[in-house]
Amino acid sequence: MEVLASTDGSGKVTGMRNDDTNDDKKPQAPYLVIGSGRIGSAVARELTTRNKKVVMIDKDVGKVETLREQEFETVVGDLNDPHLLDPIDIKSIETVLVLSSDVAANSTAIGTIKRISKDIQVIARAPSTVAKSELEEAGADSVIVPPRIVADATIRILEHAESVRHASNILDILRSIGDKKLAIVVHDNPDPDAMSSAVALKTIAASVGAESEIVYRGEIGHQENKAFVNLLHIDMDKLDEHNARSMSDFKKIAMVDCSIPGENNLLPKDAIVDIIIDHHPVDMKKIHADHVDIRPNSGATATIMTKYLQEMDIPVNKDLATALLYGIRTDTLGFKRNANPVDLTAAAFLYPLADHEILSRIETPAISTETLETFGEAIRNRKVKGSYLVTNAGIIRDRDALAQAADYLLNLEGITTVLVYGIGEDCIHVSGRSRDIRLNLGEVVQRAFGAAGSAGGHATTAGAQIPLGVFSDTRDRQALMRMAEEVVMKRFFATVGVENGDSDV
């Protein structure tokens, strides 16, 4: 059956069907483009450039004739016509692109196509996300929203330009170090994201002949973190009050995976910092440095550092690639927490460069007796109000065990938010996890404990440190437990609007 184009006296297109037409005389092509406006024509031209066979349909006879003159195989047809595909050899069609600007007509055409064959892939055009849902309901396999595509492309261009500026700025600072040293400061008790990011910055500094040293305070806890450092040969220098080398030995200071001097890091609060690179949300009014790059849309600082290495075209060796990939994976909880497309693209770049045997060895270390005891304390002392679980892990030496316990307890049935706290040498450590979409845990923890110490995080993961002050010298364990419960449990429950009292469990 062939659709023949004609016009009435007003120039309106009318269709006359010839049911005797042989199918093998009909146009054949795997790609059918319906709608020859700017987008439809552009798509058809691009497909043709890529040596793809295309047939086009449009209801405007004038456009059809023009396209035929341009050597496009084109037929006349109306999206609202139930016989829309009659002029085409249906068996040859693999994909139909419904690209008119009329949402209702596009929806009708999608229904017509899907009634003829469920196997034909339909890609449709929508002017908005609301219309996108309508076309998906009509049966479209994929829907493109041109304004969104243009916006995304524009943002990518802007982000690339910003990355170029960042790269140039940081290299200028590193070149100015001369024969002095750069201190790369990570937060206390550093995790794989912080450590891998610091190694990446050290690699960048070395690329311009600048010497650097990674410094930290606290302990590297968690069995996986210790294996990470040992297997990947990460060189770090621990500084504390007993190793009081002055930071004046360094010409420049960089903070990686942290951003405010004196908050969970070894720097004094009045320290002058030259470089800050972090992914944690922070009050930008508190941030001061010559180079500031804080990207809360990244799930890990290791993602940001990977982009730097790519932008600067610096070779990434196997150990560094393994470290950065593991840093991204741990901070995004295997790409299930705060992960964004930028984290996935960074991981895709690193994946073929990494040593997967070492990754496997890092991820399966033996669990320590201390960590097991922390788990036990946290399980025994849990208090539950509704879907909130708060628990005291007792006296701890490895604060990373709190995060492990929080991740574990979040798996309990009916629990959506977990807060685990323990008492260290001079402060109460708090670690939280949440999968409650109504709650931003980072904001809750900041409101609850920010005034008493340092606190913050993301919607699904957060932490805090509350100084013990005059209580740090007490040996009365029970008094410390009571004080910790008073500070942590009551403040948290009050902040989330749950009355404190006897637990449900």
Protein backbone atom coordinates (compact mmCIF):
# COMPACT_ATOMS: atom_id res chain seq x y z
CA MET A 1 0.00 0.00 0.00
CA GLU A 2 1.50 3.34 -1.04
CA VAL A 3 0.60 6.82 0.23
CA LEU A 4 0.46 9.32 -2.59
CA ALA A 5 0.59 13.06 -1.86
CA SER A 6 -1.84 15.55 -3.37
CA THR A 7 -3.30 18.87 -2.39
CA ASP A 8 -6.77 20.31 -2.46
CA GLY A 9 -7.48 23.83 -3.61
CA SER A 10 -6.23 25.32 -0.35
CA GLY A 11 -2.90 23.54 -0.59
CA LYS A 12 -3.80 21.14 2.22
CA VAL A 13 -2.21 17.70 1.88
CA THR A 14 -4.56 14.79 1.28
CA GLY A 15 -3.55 11.15 1.18
CA MET A 16 -4.65 8.55 -1.35
CA ARG A 17 -3.78 4.95 -0.59
CA ASN A 18 -3.00 2.42 -3.25
CA ASP A 19 -3.48 -0.98 -1.60
CA ASP A 20 -2.18 -2.83 -4.64
CA THR A 21 1.39 -1.60 -4.25
CA ASN A 22 3.93 -4.41 -3.81
CA ASP A 23 5.84 -4.36 -0.46
CA ASP A 24 9.23 -4.72 -2.12
CA LYS A 25 8.61 -1.39 -3.89
CA LYS A 26 8.23 0.40 -0.58
CA PRO A 27 11.19 2.30 0.93
CA GLN A 28 13.36 0.13 3.18
CA ALA A 29 15.58 1.42 5.97
CA PRO A 30 16.49 0.48 9.56
CA TYR A 31 15.98 4.12 10.67
CA LEU A 32 12.73 6.03 10.21
CA VAL A 33 12.65 9.73 11.11
CA ILE A 34 9.18 11.25 11.54
CA GLY A 35 9.19 15.06 11.49
CA SER A 36 11.57 17.03 9.30
CA GLY A 37 11.95 20.16 11.39
CA ARG A 38 15.36 21.40 12.52
CA ILE A 39 15.93 18.51 14.90
CA GLY A 40 14.57 15.81 12.60
CA SER A 41 16.56 17.07 9.62
CA ALA A 42 19.75 17.37 11.70
CA VAL A 43 19.37 13.80 13.02
CA ALA A 44 18.69 12.43 9.52
CA ARG A 45 21.74 14.22 8.11
CA GLU A 46 23.97 12.92 10.90
CA LEU A 47 22.75 9.35 10.39
CA THR A 48 23.37 9.66 6.65
CA THR A 49 26.87 11.01 7.31
CA ARG A 50 27.51 7.87 9.35
CA ASN A 51 26.42 5.72 6.39
CA LYS A 52 23.10 4.77 7.98
CA LYS A 53 20.10 4.27 5.67
CA VAL A 54 17.25 6.59 6.64
CA VAL A 55 13.69 7.20 5.48
CA MET A 56 11.85 10.37 6.55
CA ILE A 57 8.13 11.10 6.94
CA ASP A 58 6.59 14.56 7.03
CA LYS A 59 3.07 15.86 6.42
CA ASP A 60 4.26 18.99 4.57
CA VAL A 61 4.40 18.23 0.83
CA GLY A 62 6.72 21.18 0.21
CA LYS A 63 9.23 19.92 2.77
CA VAL A 64 8.99 16.42 1.37
CA GLU A 65 9.82 17.66 -2.12
CA THR A 66 12.72 19.76 -0.80
CA LEU A 67 14.15 16.79 1.10
CA ARG A 68 13.85 14.59 -1.95
CA GLU A 69 15.79 17.20 -3.95
CA GLN A 70 18.46 16.92 -1.25
CA GLU A 71 18.49 13.16 -1.93
CA PHE A 72 16.71 12.13 1.27
CA GLU A 73 14.24 9.30 0.81
CA THR A 74 11.06 10.92 2.09
CA VAL A 75 7.32 10.15 2.04
CA VAL A 76 4.25 12.11 3.05
CA GLY A 77 2.47 11.07 6.23
CA ASP A 78 0.61 12.42 9.25
CA LEU A 79 1.48 11.37 12.83
CA ASN A 80 -2.24 11.18 13.66
CA ASP A 81 -2.94 8.77 10.80
CA PRO A 82 -3.35 5.13 11.96
CA HIS A 83 -1.88 4.14 8.56
CA LEU A 84 1.26 6.19 9.20
CA LEU A 85 3.69 3.34 8.43
CA ASP A 86 1.83 1.94 5.43
CA PRO A 87 4.21 3.57 2.85
CA ILE A 88 7.26 1.90 4.48
CA ASP A 89 8.44 -1.71 4.44
CA ILE A 90 7.78 -2.36 8.12
CA LYS A 91 9.99 -5.47 8.24
CA SER A 92 13.04 -3.30 7.53
CA ILE A 93 12.45 -0.85 10.38
CA GLU A 94 14.57 -1.22 13.54
CA THR A 95 14.24 2.24 15.10
CA VAL A 96 11.69 5.05 14.67
CA LEU A 97 12.58 8.57 15.78
CA VAL A 98 9.41 10.59 16.43
CA LEU A 99 10.81 14.13 16.41
CA SER A 100 7.95 16.54 15.76
CA SER A 101 7.28 19.38 18.20
CA ASP A 102 3.64 18.27 18.72
CA VAL A 103 3.52 16.16 21.91
CA ALA A 104 -0.03 14.89 21.34
CA ALA A 105 0.76 13.86 17.76
CA ASN A 106 4.00 12.21 18.89
CA SER A 107 2.05 10.26 21.51
CA THR A 108 -0.48 9.10 18.90
CA ALA A 109 2.30 8.03 16.52
CA ILE A 110 4.05 6.06 19.29
CA GLY A 111 0.82 4.16 19.96
CA THR A 112 0.41 3.40 16.24
CA ILE A 113 3.97 2.12 15.93
CA LYS A 114 3.79 -0.07 19.05
CA ARG A 115 0.49 -1.59 17.92
CA ILE A 116 2.14 -2.61 14.65
CA SER A 117 5.28 -4.04 16.28
CA LYS A 118 6.51 -4.17 19.88
CA ASP A 119 10.01 -4.92 18.60
CA ILE A 120 10.53 -1.54 16.93
CA GLN A 121 12.53 0.79 19.16
CA VAL A 122 10.88 4.21 19.47
CA ILE A 123 12.83 7.34 20.38
CA ALA A 124 10.65 10.41 20.88
CA ARG A 125 11.14 14.13 21.35
CA ALA A 126 9.60 16.05 24.26
CA PRO A 127 9.80 19.78 25.01
CA SER A 128 9.83 19.26 28.80
CA THR A 129 10.20 16.64 31.52
CA VAL A 130 6.42 16.65 32.01
CA ALA A 131 5.90 15.79 28.34
CA LYS A 132 8.69 13.21 28.67
CA SER A 133 6.59 11.26 31.18
CA GLU A 134 3.58 11.44 28.85
CA LEU A 135 5.52 9.98 25.93
CA GLU A 136 7.05 7.26 28.11
CA GLU A 137 3.55 6.26 29.18
CA ALA A 138 2.54 6.16 25.50
CA GLY A 139 5.21 3.51 24.96
CA ALA A 140 8.38 5.35 23.90
CA ASP A 141 11.52 3.37 24.71
CA SER A 142 13.58 6.55 25.07
CA VAL A 143 12.66 10.24 25.22
CA ILE A 144 14.99 13.15 24.51
CA VAL A 145 14.35 16.62 25.90
CA PRO A 146 16.29 19.08 23.65
CA PRO A 147 16.34 22.02 26.13
CA ARG A 148 17.83 19.71 28.75
CA ILE A 149 20.37 18.32 26.30
CA VAL A 150 21.46 21.84 25.36
CA ALA A 151 21.68 22.82 29.04
CA ASP A 152 23.73 19.70 29.89
CA ALA A 153 26.09 20.32 26.96
CA THR A 154 26.52 23.95 28.02
CA ILE A 155 27.28 22.94 31.61
CA ARG A 156 29.87 20.41 30.39
CA ILE A 157 31.59 23.14 28.37
CA LEU A 158 31.55 25.47 31.39
CA GLU A 159 32.88 22.72 33.67
CA HIS A 160 35.68 21.99 31.22
CA ALA A 161 36.62 25.68 31.08
CA GLU A 162 36.55 25.78 34.87
CA SER A 163 38.75 22.67 35.06
CA VAL A 164 41.29 24.31 32.74
CA ARG A 165 41.38 27.39 34.99
CA HIS A 166 41.74 25.23 38.10
CA ALA A 167 44.58 23.25 36.56
CA SER A 168 46.44 26.38 35.47
CA ASN A 169 46.00 28.02 38.88
CA ILE A 170 47.19 25.05 40.90
CA LEU A 171 50.23 24.55 38.68
CA ASP A 172 51.19 28.22 39.11
CA ILE A 173 51.08 27.79 42.90
CA LEU A 174 53.13 24.58 42.79
CA ARG A 175 55.78 26.12 40.52
CA SER A 176 56.21 28.99 43.00
CA ILE A 177 57.39 26.59 45.74
CA GLY A 178 60.91 26.47 44.30
CA ASP A 179 63.33 24.50 46.45
CA LYS A 180 60.96 24.54 49.46
CA LYS A 181 58.24 22.00 50.29
CA LEU A 182 54.45 21.71 50.02
CA ALA A 183 52.60 20.29 53.02
CA ILE A 184 49.62 18.20 51.92
CA VAL A 185 47.34 18.05 54.97
CA VAL A 186 44.61 15.43 55.25
CA HIS A 187 42.04 15.12 58.00
CA ASP A 188 42.70 13.25 61.23
CA ASN A 189 42.49 9.45 60.93
CA PRO A 190 42.57 9.67 57.12
CA ASP A 191 40.47 7.37 54.93
CA PRO A 192 41.26 6.03 51.42
CA ASP A 193 39.60 8.99 49.69
CA ALA A 194 41.79 11.48 51.58
CA MET A 195 44.98 9.44 51.24
CA SER A 196 44.60 8.67 47.52
CA SER A 197 43.74 12.31 46.81
CA ALA A 198 46.84 13.44 48.69
CA VAL A 199 49.02 11.04 46.68
CA ALA A 200 47.47 12.44 43.48
CA LEU A 201 48.35 16.01 44.52
CA LYS A 202 51.88 14.85 45.37
CA THR A 203 52.13 13.38 41.86
CA ILE A 204 50.95 16.66 40.33
CA ALA A 205 53.51 18.60 42.39
CA ALA A 206 56.28 16.25 41.27
CA SER A 207 55.32 16.85 37.63
CA VAL A 208 56.51 20.47 37.97
CA GLY A 209 59.50 19.65 40.17
CA ALA A 210 57.87 20.63 43.48
CA GLU A 211 58.69 18.55 46.54
CA SER A 212 55.79 17.69 48.86
CA GLU A 213 54.98 15.72 51.97
CA ILE A 214 51.66 14.23 53.13
CA VAL A 215 51.05 14.97 56.81
CA TYR A 216 48.30 13.94 59.20
CA ARG A 217 47.39 13.56 62.84
CA GLY A 218 45.65 10.68 64.53
CA GLU A 219 45.65 7.02 63.60
CA ILE A 220 45.06 5.08 60.41
CA GLY A 221 42.39 2.71 61.65
CA HIS A 222 40.16 0.14 59.98
CA GLN A 223 41.81 -3.01 58.66
CA GLU A 224 41.08 -2.07 55.03
CA ASN A 225 42.77 1.33 55.47
CA LYS A 226 45.90 -0.26 56.93
CA ALA A 227 46.02 -2.75 54.08
CA PHE A 228 45.47 0.14 51.65
CA VAL A 229 48.53 2.02 52.96
CA ASN A 230 50.77 -1.05 53.09
CA LEU A 231 49.88 -2.63 49.76
CA LEU A 232 50.01 0.64 47.80
CA HIS A 233 53.18 1.92 49.51
CA ILE A 234 51.62 5.22 50.58
CA ASP A 235 54.20 7.43 52.29
CA MET A 236 52.72 9.70 54.98
CA ASP A 237 54.23 11.54 57.93
CA LYS A 238 52.33 11.54 61.22
CA LEU A 239 52.59 14.81 63.14
CA ASP A 240 51.25 15.41 66.65
CA GLU A 241 52.15 17.23 69.84
CA HIS A 242 55.02 14.77 70.42
CA ASN A 243 56.44 15.41 66.96
CA ALA A 244 56.14 19.16 66.92
CA ARG A 245 57.91 20.10 63.73
CA SER A 246 56.72 23.55 62.75
CA MET A 247 54.50 23.97 59.70
CA SER A 248 56.74 26.94 58.89
CA ASP A 249 59.13 24.38 57.41
CA PHE A 250 56.76 24.31 54.44
CA LYS A 251 56.46 27.18 51.96
CA LYS A 252 52.90 26.27 50.93
CA ILE A 253 50.08 24.32 52.57
CA ALA A 254 47.38 22.32 50.81
CA MET A 255 44.31 20.79 52.43
CA VAL A 256 42.85 17.73 50.72
CA ASP A 257 39.47 16.17 51.61
CA CYS A 258 39.08 18.80 54.33
CA SER A 259 38.70 22.56 54.10
CA ILE A 260 38.73 24.42 57.42
CA PRO A 261 41.98 24.69 59.44
CA GLY A 262 41.65 23.30 62.93
CA GLU A 263 38.51 21.25 62.23
CA ASN A 264 39.46 17.57 62.31
CA ASN A 265 43.01 18.28 61.11
CA LEU A 266 46.39 19.19 62.58
CA LEU A 267 46.45 22.83 61.44
CA PRO A 268 45.86 25.70 63.88
CA LYS A 269 42.64 27.59 63.27
CA ASP A 270 44.54 30.67 62.07
CA ALA A 271 46.72 28.77 59.58
CA ILE A 272 47.16 30.35 56.14
CA VAL A 273 46.33 27.76 53.50
CA ASP A 274 47.22 28.04 49.82
CA ILE A 275 45.29 25.16 48.25
CA ILE A 276 41.95 23.61 49.30
CA ILE A 277 40.44 20.67 47.40
CA ASP A 278 37.41 18.90 48.88
CA HIS A 279 34.01 17.44 48.04
CA HIS A 280 32.23 17.95 51.36
CA PRO A 281 29.59 20.72 51.57
CA VAL A 282 30.83 23.64 53.63
CA ASP A 283 30.01 27.25 54.44
CA MET A 284 32.08 29.01 51.76
CA LYS A 285 32.35 32.12 53.96
CA LYS A 286 34.75 30.12 56.15
CA ILE A 287 36.99 29.09 53.24
CA HIS A 288 40.10 31.13 52.45
CA ALA A 289 42.91 30.10 50.08
CA ASP A 290 44.54 31.13 46.81
CA HIS A 291 43.13 28.02 45.16
CA VAL A 292 39.75 26.73 46.31
CA ASP A 293 38.06 23.81 44.56
CA ILE A 294 35.11 22.42 46.50
CA ARG A 295 32.68 20.26 44.51
CA PRO A 296 29.79 18.86 46.57
CA ASN A 297 28.41 17.29 43.39
CA SER A 298 31.34 14.85 43.42
CA GLY A 299 30.99 11.75 45.55
CA ALA A 300 34.69 11.72 46.43
CA THR A 301 37.70 14.03 46.43
CA ALA A 302 39.50 11.27 44.53
CA THR A 303 37.13 11.99 41.64
CA ILE A 304 38.24 15.63 41.57
CA MET A 305 41.91 14.63 41.68
CA THR A 306 41.40 12.14 38.84
CA LYS A 307 39.97 14.96 36.72
CA TYR A 308 43.04 17.09 37.53
CA LEU A 309 45.36 14.32 36.36
CA GLN A 310 43.36 13.93 33.15
CA GLU A 311 43.23 17.68 32.50
CA MET A 312 46.98 18.03 33.06
CA ASP A 313 47.72 14.91 30.99
CA ILE A 314 49.84 13.45 33.83
CA PRO A 315 50.50 9.69 33.56
CA VAL A 316 48.73 7.65 36.26
CA ASN A 317 50.72 4.64 37.43
CA LYS A 318 49.13 1.40 38.63
CA ASP A 319 49.40 2.15 42.38
CA LEU A 320 47.89 5.62 42.02
CA ALA A 321 45.07 4.38 39.78
CA THR A 322 44.31 1.61 42.29
CA ALA A 323 44.33 4.05 45.20
CA LEU A 324 42.06 6.60 43.50
CA LEU A 325 39.61 3.94 42.29
CA TYR A 326 39.39 2.49 45.79
CA GLY A 327 38.98 5.99 47.25
CA ILE A 328 36.03 6.68 44.96
CA ARG A 329 34.45 3.29 45.63
CA THR A 330 34.70 3.57 49.42
CA ASP A 331 33.43 7.15 49.68
CA THR A 332 30.47 6.38 47.42
CA LEU A 333 29.84 3.00 49.09
CA GLY A 334 30.35 1.16 45.83
CA PHE A 335 28.61 3.95 43.85
CA LYS A 336 25.42 3.59 45.93
CA ARG A 337 25.88 6.71 48.09
CA ASN A 338 26.26 10.29 46.80
CA ALA A 339 27.58 8.96 43.48
CA ASN A 340 27.23 11.12 40.38
CA PRO A 341 28.02 10.60 36.69
CA VAL A 342 31.34 12.38 37.23
CA ASP A 343 32.35 9.67 39.74
CA LEU A 344 31.44 6.94 37.27
CA THR A 345 33.44 8.53 34.43
CA ALA A 346 36.47 8.95 36.72
CA ALA A 347 36.18 5.32 37.80
CA ALA A 348 35.85 4.21 34.16
CA PHE A 349 39.12 6.01 33.38
CA LEU A 350 40.92 4.42 36.35
CA TYR A 351 39.49 0.90 36.07
CA PRO A 352 41.76 -0.45 33.28
CA LEU A 353 44.82 1.14 34.93
CA ALA A 354 44.24 -0.33 38.41
CA ASP A 355 45.62 -3.51 39.98
CA HIS A 356 42.48 -5.52 40.72
CA GLU A 357 44.33 -8.24 42.59
CA ILE A 358 45.53 -5.64 45.12
CA LEU A 359 42.00 -4.19 45.29
CA SER A 360 40.67 -7.61 46.21
CA ARG A 361 43.32 -8.03 48.91
CA ILE A 362 42.49 -4.59 50.38
CA GLU A 363 38.77 -5.35 50.50
CA THR A 364 39.10 -8.66 52.35
CA PRO A 365 41.43 -8.05 55.33
CA ALA A 366 41.12 -9.90 58.60
CA ILE A 367 38.81 -8.17 61.12
CA SER A 368 40.52 -7.16 64.37
CA THR A 369 39.33 -8.20 67.83
CA GLU A 370 38.91 -4.52 68.72
CA THR A 371 36.57 -3.91 65.80
CA LEU A 372 34.56 -7.00 66.69
CA GLU A 373 34.22 -5.73 70.28
CA THR A 374 33.06 -2.34 68.99
CA PHE A 375 30.38 -4.11 66.94
CA GLY A 376 29.31 -6.05 70.01
CA GLU A 377 29.03 -2.95 72.19
CA ALA A 378 27.08 -1.10 69.51
CA ILE A 379 24.64 -3.97 69.11
CA ARG A 380 24.13 -4.44 72.87
CA ASN A 381 23.64 -0.73 73.66
CA ARG A 382 21.30 0.15 70.77
CA LYS A 383 18.29 2.32 71.46
CA VAL A 384 15.57 2.61 68.84
CA LYS A 385 12.86 5.23 68.48
CA GLY A 386 10.73 4.59 65.44
CA SER A 387 13.13 4.11 62.52
CA TYR A 388 16.04 5.84 64.32
CA LEU A 389 18.75 3.79 66.03
CA VAL A 390 21.33 5.43 68.32
CA THR A 391 23.95 3.40 70.14
CA ASN A 392 27.02 3.74 72.33
CA ALA A 393 30.09 1.72 71.30
CA GLY A 394 31.95 2.51 74.54
CA ILE A 395 35.63 3.45 74.79
CA ILE A 396 37.28 3.19 71.36
CA ARG A 397 40.75 3.46 69.88
CA ASP A 398 39.76 2.92 66.24
CA ARG A 399 37.09 5.45 65.31
CA ASP A 400 36.70 3.88 61.85
CA ALA A 401 35.05 0.93 63.58
CA LEU A 402 32.13 3.29 64.34
CA ALA A 403 31.48 3.80 60.63
CA GLN A 404 31.64 0.03 60.06
CA ALA A 405 29.17 -0.52 62.88
CA ALA A 406 26.84 2.17 61.51
CA ASP A 407 26.88 0.57 58.04
CA TYR A 408 26.12 -2.82 59.59
CA LEU A 409 23.27 -1.64 61.84
CA LEU A 410 21.61 0.22 58.97
CA ASN A 411 20.74 -3.24 57.59
CA LEU A 412 18.40 -3.95 60.53
CA GLU A 413 14.76 -4.29 59.53
CA GLY A 414 12.75 -1.10 60.04
CA ILE A 415 15.83 1.08 60.59
CA THR A 416 16.46 4.01 58.24
CA THR A 417 18.92 6.11 60.27
CA VAL A 418 21.78 5.01 62.54
CA LEU A 419 24.03 7.06 64.82
CA VAL A 420 26.94 5.30 66.56
CA TYR A 421 29.15 7.12 69.06
CA GLY A 422 32.20 6.19 71.08
CA ILE A 423 34.62 7.89 73.46
CA GLY A 424 38.18 8.49 72.34
CA GLU A 425 41.11 10.01 74.22
CA ASP A 426 39.92 13.60 74.11
CA CYS A 427 36.56 13.64 72.33
CA ILE A 428 33.34 11.82 71.54
CA HIS A 429 33.37 10.47 68.00
CA VAL A 430 30.04 10.20 66.18
CA SER A 431 29.34 8.37 62.91
CA GLY A 432 25.96 8.36 61.17
CA ARG A 433 24.32 6.64 58.21
CA SER A 434 20.86 7.13 56.73
CA ARG A 435 18.69 5.93 53.85
CA ASP A 436 15.71 8.07 54.82
CA ILE A 437 14.94 10.25 51.77
CA ARG A 438 13.14 12.76 54.01
CA LEU A 439 16.25 13.42 56.09
CA ASN A 440 19.51 15.21 55.36
CA LEU A 441 21.72 13.59 57.96
CA GLY A 442 24.59 16.02 57.44
CA GLU A 443 22.34 18.98 58.29
CA VAL A 444 20.84 17.16 61.29
CA VAL A 445 24.26 16.32 62.73
CA GLN A 446 25.44 19.89 62.15
CA ARG A 447 22.43 21.31 64.01
CA ALA A 448 22.76 18.80 66.83
CA PHE A 449 26.52 18.93 67.46
CA GLY A 450 28.01 21.80 65.43
CA ALA A 451 27.95 24.25 68.33
CA ALA A 452 29.62 21.73 70.67
CA GLY A 453 32.35 20.60 68.28
CA SER A 454 32.87 19.92 64.58
CA ALA A 455 30.12 18.22 62.62
CA GLY A 456 28.71 17.80 59.12
CA GLY A 457 28.45 15.51 56.13
CA HIS A 458 26.10 14.53 53.32
CA ALA A 459 22.44 13.54 53.19
CA THR A 460 23.25 9.87 53.80
CA THR A 461 26.50 9.96 55.77
CA ALA A 462 27.75 12.28 58.51
CA GLY A 463 30.06 12.53 61.47
CA ALA A 464 31.00 14.69 64.42
CA GLN A 465 33.68 15.19 67.05
CA ILE A 466 32.72 16.65 70.43
CA PRO A 467 35.64 17.62 72.72
CA LEU A 468 35.54 16.13 76.22
CA GLY A 469 37.16 19.24 77.69
CA VAL A 470 37.70 18.94 81.45
CA PHE A 471 36.24 15.42 81.37
CA SER A 472 39.11 14.06 79.25
CA ASP A 473 41.18 13.23 82.37
CA THR A 474 38.44 11.40 84.26
CA ARG A 475 38.82 7.66 84.79
CA ASP A 476 35.19 7.14 85.72
CA ARG A 477 34.00 5.19 82.70
CA GLN A 478 30.36 5.23 83.75
CA ALA A 479 30.43 9.02 84.19
CA LEU A 480 31.82 9.40 80.68
CA MET A 481 29.12 7.09 79.29
CA ARG A 482 26.38 9.11 81.02
CA MET A 483 27.81 12.36 79.73
CA ALA A 484 28.10 11.00 76.20
CA GLU A 485 24.51 9.80 76.27
CA GLU A 486 23.35 13.17 77.54
CA VAL A 487 25.19 15.01 74.77
CA VAL A 488 24.68 12.69 71.82
CA MET A 489 21.46 10.76 72.26
CA LYS A 490 19.29 13.52 73.67
CA ARG A 491 20.54 16.15 71.22
CA PHE A 492 20.07 13.89 68.23
CA PHE A 493 16.55 12.77 69.16
CA ALA A 494 15.58 16.36 69.95
CA THR A 495 16.93 17.56 66.59
CA VAL A 496 14.97 14.97 64.58
CA GLY A 497 11.86 15.67 66.64
CA VAL A 498 11.66 12.37 68.52
CA GLU A 499 11.08 12.34 72.26
CA ASN A 500 13.96 10.71 74.13
CA GLY A 501 13.23 8.05 76.64
CA ASP A 502 13.05 4.29 76.90
CA SER A 503 13.91 2.57 73.67
CA ASP A 504 11.60 0.44 71.60
CA VAL A 505 14.27 -2.29 71.55
